[in-house]
Amino acid sequence: MYSQDPLKLLAIEVNYSDFDASYAFISYFQQEAIGLVDDLARAFQPSFFISTRPTHLGYPEKYVETPEGQEAMKKLRTNFVTTSLPIYLGYFTKMLAESGGPYICGETFTIADCALLPALRNFRKGHLDQYVTST
């Protein structure tokens, strides 16, 4: 019969006979990091979709080809870079400091790092207008 204790259930499901509660904390920390990567992507979407899928934002097709569309795109991207991106970078910096690094969740490279690195590299590629790629 399965235990009703969630931590013991997790131990059974992942086949740990001598379950260490720190495993659940590490897993939770990874989930938090991945959740932040998802939040970062969601915050970025309007500034990207205005040029690729303007109808998703209520604008007509090819909106960015108009002067108003160019201005709206610049405003969304500038707002993201100056407001949202620094907030998320602050969260990731804090997580890195609290974990002791060198990876986002501590000493071991995890799935959270696999999610975070490509997300951050996307902003360094130089393929998006109004995004400065140098530090």
Foldseek 3Di string as FASTA:
>chain_A
DDDPDPQSNVCVVVVNPDGDVVVVVLVVLLVVLLVLLVVLVVLCVVLVCLCVPVVVVVDDPPQCVDPVSVVVSLVSLLCCVVPVVVVSVVVQVVQCVVQVDPASNHDDDDVSRVSPVVSVVVLQPPPDPNRDNDD
